[in-house]
C-alpha atoms as a PDB file:
ATOM      1  CA  MET A   1     119.323 -23.715 212.476  1.00  0.00           C
ATOM      2  CA  ARG A   2     118.750 -22.903 216.152  1.00  0.00           C
ATOM      3  CA  LYS A   3     115.653 -24.293 217.842  1.00  0.00           C
ATOM      4  CA  LYS A   4     113.087 -21.842 219.245  1.00  0.00           C
ATOM      5  CA  ILE A   5     111.775 -22.196 222.798  1.00  0.00           C
ATOM      6  CA  LEU A   6     108.688 -20.434 224.136  1.00  0.00           C
ATOM      7  CA  ILE A   7     108.986 -19.500 227.829  1.00  0.00           C
ATOM      8  CA  ILE A   8     105.763 -18.787 229.732  1.00  0.00           C
ATOM      9  CA  ASP A   9     106.107 -17.547 233.309  1.00  0.00           C
ATOM     10  CA  ASP A  10     104.580 -14.637 235.204  1.00  0.00           C
ATOM     11  CA  GLU A  11     107.742 -14.108 237.271  1.00  0.00           C
ATOM     12  CA  ARG A  12     110.038 -11.719 235.422  1.00  0.00           C
ATOM     13  CA  LEU A  13     113.082 -13.045 237.291  1.00  0.00           C
ATOM     14  CA  ILE A  14     112.403 -16.613 236.130  1.00  0.00           C
ATOM     15  CA  ARG A  15     111.948 -15.419 232.525  1.00  0.00           C
ATOM     16  CA  LEU A  16     115.268 -13.558 232.701  1.00  0.00           C
ATOM     17  CA  LEU A  17     117.001 -16.544 234.287  1.00  0.00           C
ATOM     18  CA  LEU A  18     115.706 -18.877 231.557  1.00  0.00           C
ATOM     19  CA  GLU A  19     116.541 -16.390 228.801  1.00  0.00           C
ATOM     20  CA  ASN A  20     120.106 -16.126 230.118  1.00  0.00           C
ATOM     21  CA  PHE A  21     120.384 -19.913 230.406  1.00  0.00           C
ATOM     22  CA  LEU A  22     118.976 -20.584 226.917  1.00  0.00           C
ATOM     23  CA  SER A  23     120.494 -17.724 224.919  1.00  0.00           C
ATOM     24  CA  SER A  24     123.766 -19.434 224.025  1.00  0.00           C
ATOM     25  CA  ASN A  25     122.124 -22.458 222.367  1.00  0.00           C
ATOM     26  CA  TYR A  26     118.556 -21.520 221.473  1.00  0.00           C
ATOM     27  CA  ASP A  27     116.347 -18.734 220.201  1.00  0.00           C
ATOM     28  CA  PHE A  28     113.519 -17.952 222.593  1.00  0.00           C
ATOM     29  CA  GLU A  29     110.399 -15.910 223.157  1.00  0.00           C
ATOM     30  CA  ALA A  30     109.170 -15.094 226.669  1.00  0.00           C
ATOM     31  CA  LYS A  31     105.571 -14.386 227.675  1.00  0.00           C
ATOM     32  CA  GLY A  32     104.021 -13.557 231.073  1.00  0.00           C
ATOM     33  CA  ASP A  33     100.926 -15.770 230.911  1.00  0.00           C
ATOM     34  CA  GLY A  34      99.022 -18.311 228.845  1.00  0.00           C
ATOM     35  CA  LEU A  35      96.888 -15.751 226.985  1.00  0.00           C
ATOM     36  CA  GLU A  36      99.947 -13.776 225.824  1.00  0.00           C
ATOM     37  CA  ALA A  37     101.510 -17.026 224.670  1.00  0.00           C
ATOM     38  CA  LEU A  38      98.419 -18.091 222.711  1.00  0.00           C
ATOM     39  CA  GLU A  39      98.345 -14.694 220.986  1.00  0.00           C
ATOM     40  CA  TRP A  40     102.018 -15.058 220.037  1.00  0.00           C
ATOM     41  CA  LEU A  41     101.312 -18.543 218.689  1.00  0.00           C
ATOM     42  CA  GLU A  42      98.899 -17.094 216.110  1.00  0.00           C
ATOM     43  CA  GLY A  43     101.893 -16.316 213.896  1.00  0.00           C
ATOM     44  CA  ASN A  44     104.726 -18.354 215.384  1.00  0.00           C
ATOM     45  CA  LEU A  45     105.651 -21.962 216.069  1.00  0.00           C
ATOM     46  CA  PRO A  46     108.167 -22.949 218.767  1.00  0.00           C
ATOM     47  CA  ASP A  47     110.093 -26.200 218.831  1.00  0.00           C
ATOM     48  CA  LEU A  48     109.501 -26.555 222.589  1.00  0.00           C
ATOM     49  CA  VAL A  49     107.547 -24.808 225.361  1.00  0.00           C
ATOM     50  CA  ILE A  50     108.574 -24.278 228.986  1.00  0.00           C
ATOM     51  CA  CYS A  51     105.488 -23.270 230.992  1.00  0.00           C
ATOM     52  CA  ASP A  52     104.702 -22.285 234.580  1.00  0.00           C
ATOM     53  CA  ILE A  53     101.420 -23.403 236.168  1.00  0.00           C
ATOM     54  CA  GLN A  54     100.372 -20.594 238.513  1.00  0.00           C
ATOM     55  CA  MET A  55      99.701 -17.510 236.366  1.00  0.00           C
ATOM     56  CA  GLU A  56      96.870 -15.053 235.773  1.00  0.00           C
ATOM     57  CA  PRO A  57      94.675 -14.571 233.796  1.00  0.00           C
ATOM     58  CA  MET A  58      95.353 -17.973 232.162  1.00  0.00           C
ATOM     59  CA  ASP A  59      97.283 -20.578 234.126  1.00  0.00           C
ATOM     60  CA  GLY A  60      99.507 -23.305 232.741  1.00  0.00           C
ATOM     61  CA  TYR A  61      96.754 -25.912 232.798  1.00  0.00           C
ATOM     62  CA  GLY A  62      94.476 -23.713 230.681  1.00  0.00           C
ATOM     63  CA  PHE A  63      97.307 -22.892 228.313  1.00  0.00           C
ATOM     64  CA  LEU A  64      98.283 -26.533 227.910  1.00  0.00           C
ATOM     65  CA  GLU A  65      94.709 -27.570 227.175  1.00  0.00           C
ATOM     66  CA  LYS A  66      94.281 -24.852 224.501  1.00  0.00           C
ATOM     67  CA  PHE A  67      97.766 -25.511 223.113  1.00  0.00           C
ATOM     68  CA  ARG A  68      97.026 -29.193 222.525  1.00  0.00           C
ATOM     69  CA  GLN A  69      93.714 -28.401 220.814  1.00  0.00           C
ATOM     70  CA  ARG A  70      95.512 -26.554 218.023  1.00  0.00           C
ATOM     71  CA  GLY A  71      96.371 -28.851 215.164  1.00  0.00           C
ATOM     72  CA  TYR A  72      99.803 -27.425 214.460  1.00  0.00           C
ATOM     73  CA  THR A  73     101.017 -27.572 218.096  1.00  0.00           C
ATOM     74  CA  LYS A  74      99.558 -30.967 218.877  1.00  0.00           C
ATOM     75  CA  HIS A  75     102.969 -32.653 219.040  1.00  0.00           C
ATOM     76  CA  THR A  76     105.172 -29.764 220.231  1.00  0.00           C
ATOM     77  CA  PRO A  77     106.918 -30.842 223.450  1.00  0.00           C
ATOM     78  CA  VAL A  78     106.001 -29.020 226.670  1.00  0.00           C
ATOM     79  CA  ILE A  79     107.985 -28.944 229.918  1.00  0.00           C
ATOM     80  CA  MET A  80     106.013 -27.677 232.905  1.00  0.00           C
ATOM     81  CA  LEU A  81     108.242 -25.728 235.290  1.00  0.00           C
ATOM     82  CA  SER A  82     106.463 -24.876 238.525  1.00  0.00           C
ATOM     83  CA  SER A  83     106.720 -24.366 242.255  1.00  0.00           C
ATOM     84  CA  VAL A  84     103.535 -26.452 242.551  1.00  0.00           C
ATOM     85  CA  GLU A  85     104.698 -29.861 243.749  1.00  0.00           C
ATOM     86  CA  GLY A  86     102.882 -33.134 244.080  1.00  0.00           C
ATOM     87  CA  THR A  87     101.820 -36.195 242.179  1.00  0.00           C
ATOM     88  CA  LYS A  88      98.317 -34.845 241.553  1.00  0.00           C
ATOM     89  CA  GLU A  89      99.691 -31.769 239.740  1.00  0.00           C
ATOM     90  CA  ARG A  90     102.206 -33.772 237.709  1.00  0.00           C
ATOM     91  CA  VAL A  91      99.582 -36.287 236.609  1.00  0.00           C
ATOM     92  CA  LYS A  92      97.221 -33.478 235.625  1.00  0.00           C
ATOM     93  CA  CYS A  93      99.973 -31.947 233.458  1.00  0.00           C
ATOM     94  CA  TYR A  94     100.774 -35.300 231.848  1.00  0.00           C
ATOM     95  CA  ARG A  95      97.095 -35.942 231.122  1.00  0.00           C
ATOM     96  CA  LEU A  96      96.814 -32.529 229.488  1.00  0.00           C
ATOM     97  CA  GLY A  97      99.776 -33.354 227.242  1.00  0.00           C
ATOM     98  CA  ALA A  98     102.988 -32.234 228.962  1.00  0.00           C
ATOM     99  CA  GLN A  99     106.058 -34.366 228.322  1.00  0.00           C
ATOM    100  CA  ASP A 100     107.921 -33.405 231.494  1.00  0.00           C
ATOM    101  CA  PHE A 101     107.519 -31.597 234.816  1.00  0.00           C
ATOM    102  CA  LEU A 102     110.286 -29.833 236.717  1.00  0.00           C
ATOM    103  CA  CYS A 103     109.922 -28.164 240.133  1.00  0.00           C
ATOM    104  CA  LYS A 104     111.225 -24.703 241.009  1.00  0.00           C
ATOM    105  CA  PRO A 105     113.837 -24.024 242.096  1.00  0.00           C
ATOM    106  CA  PHE A 106     115.208 -26.064 239.237  1.00  0.00           C
ATOM    107  CA  ASN A 107     118.620 -27.493 238.533  1.00  0.00           C
ATOM    108  CA  ALA A 108     120.056 -26.041 235.298  1.00  0.00           C
ATOM    109  CA  GLU A 109     121.669 -29.348 234.302  1.00  0.00           C
ATOM    110  CA  GLU A 110     118.381 -31.207 234.708  1.00  0.00           C
ATOM    111  CA  LEU A 111     116.517 -28.588 232.659  1.00  0.00           C
ATOM    112  CA  ASP A 112     119.182 -28.799 229.955  1.00  0.00           C
ATOM    113  CA  ALA A 113     118.824 -32.595 229.872  1.00  0.00           C
ATOM    114  CA  LEU A 114     115.025 -32.335 229.572  1.00  0.00           C
ATOM    115  CA  ILE A 115     115.295 -29.770 226.776  1.00  0.00           C
ATOM    116  CA  ARG A 116     117.764 -31.931 224.846  1.00  0.00           C
ATOM    117  CA  LYS A 117     115.674 -35.061 225.409  1.00  0.00           C
ATOM    118  CA  ASN A 118     112.550 -33.375 224.077  1.00  0.00           C
ATOM    119  CA  LEU A 119     114.204 -31.630 221.129  1.00  0.00           C
ATOM    120  CA  ASN A 120     116.213 -34.710 220.134  1.00  0.00           C
ATOM    121  CA  PRO A 121     114.247 -37.877 220.901  1.00  0.00           C
ATOM    122  CA  VAL A 122     116.319 -41.050 221.121  1.00  0.00           C
ATOM    123  CA  HIS A 123     115.259 -42.283 217.685  1.00  0.00           C
ATOM    124  CA  TYR A 124     116.749 -39.068 216.238  1.00  0.00           C
ATOM    125  CA  ALA A 125     119.856 -39.013 218.431  1.00  0.00           C
ATOM    126  CA  VAL A 126     123.168 -38.794 216.601  1.00  0.00           C
ATOM    127  CA  LYS A 127     125.330 -39.974 219.489  1.00  0.00           C
ATOM    128  CA  TRP A 128     124.688 -41.844 222.713  1.00  0.00           C
END
């Protein structure tokens, strides 16, 4: 069964880019901000989330905080993908529960490696 990835980004071009990149290996759902994503989560459960930080009306920080408060998404991996750079921002994301942080513009190979790492942790890996 294919894994489902939730994409949250207010930039339509980024959503399309990620959809194109992910479509051959994963199912996905794309939302334009944190509130849309939380509404979608009322009846759905992704295997992984890729989330931007700078969005309106709910940014990535707000989404991540609400996402982690839900019992059933407490352990779902989250990769923050943002043009916001800096240690302060990364640490804030990690403290809110993100597993990884990738800066835009991103390298497709690096994103693929992060997705695989988070969907298939080492203790579940079939091959090294």
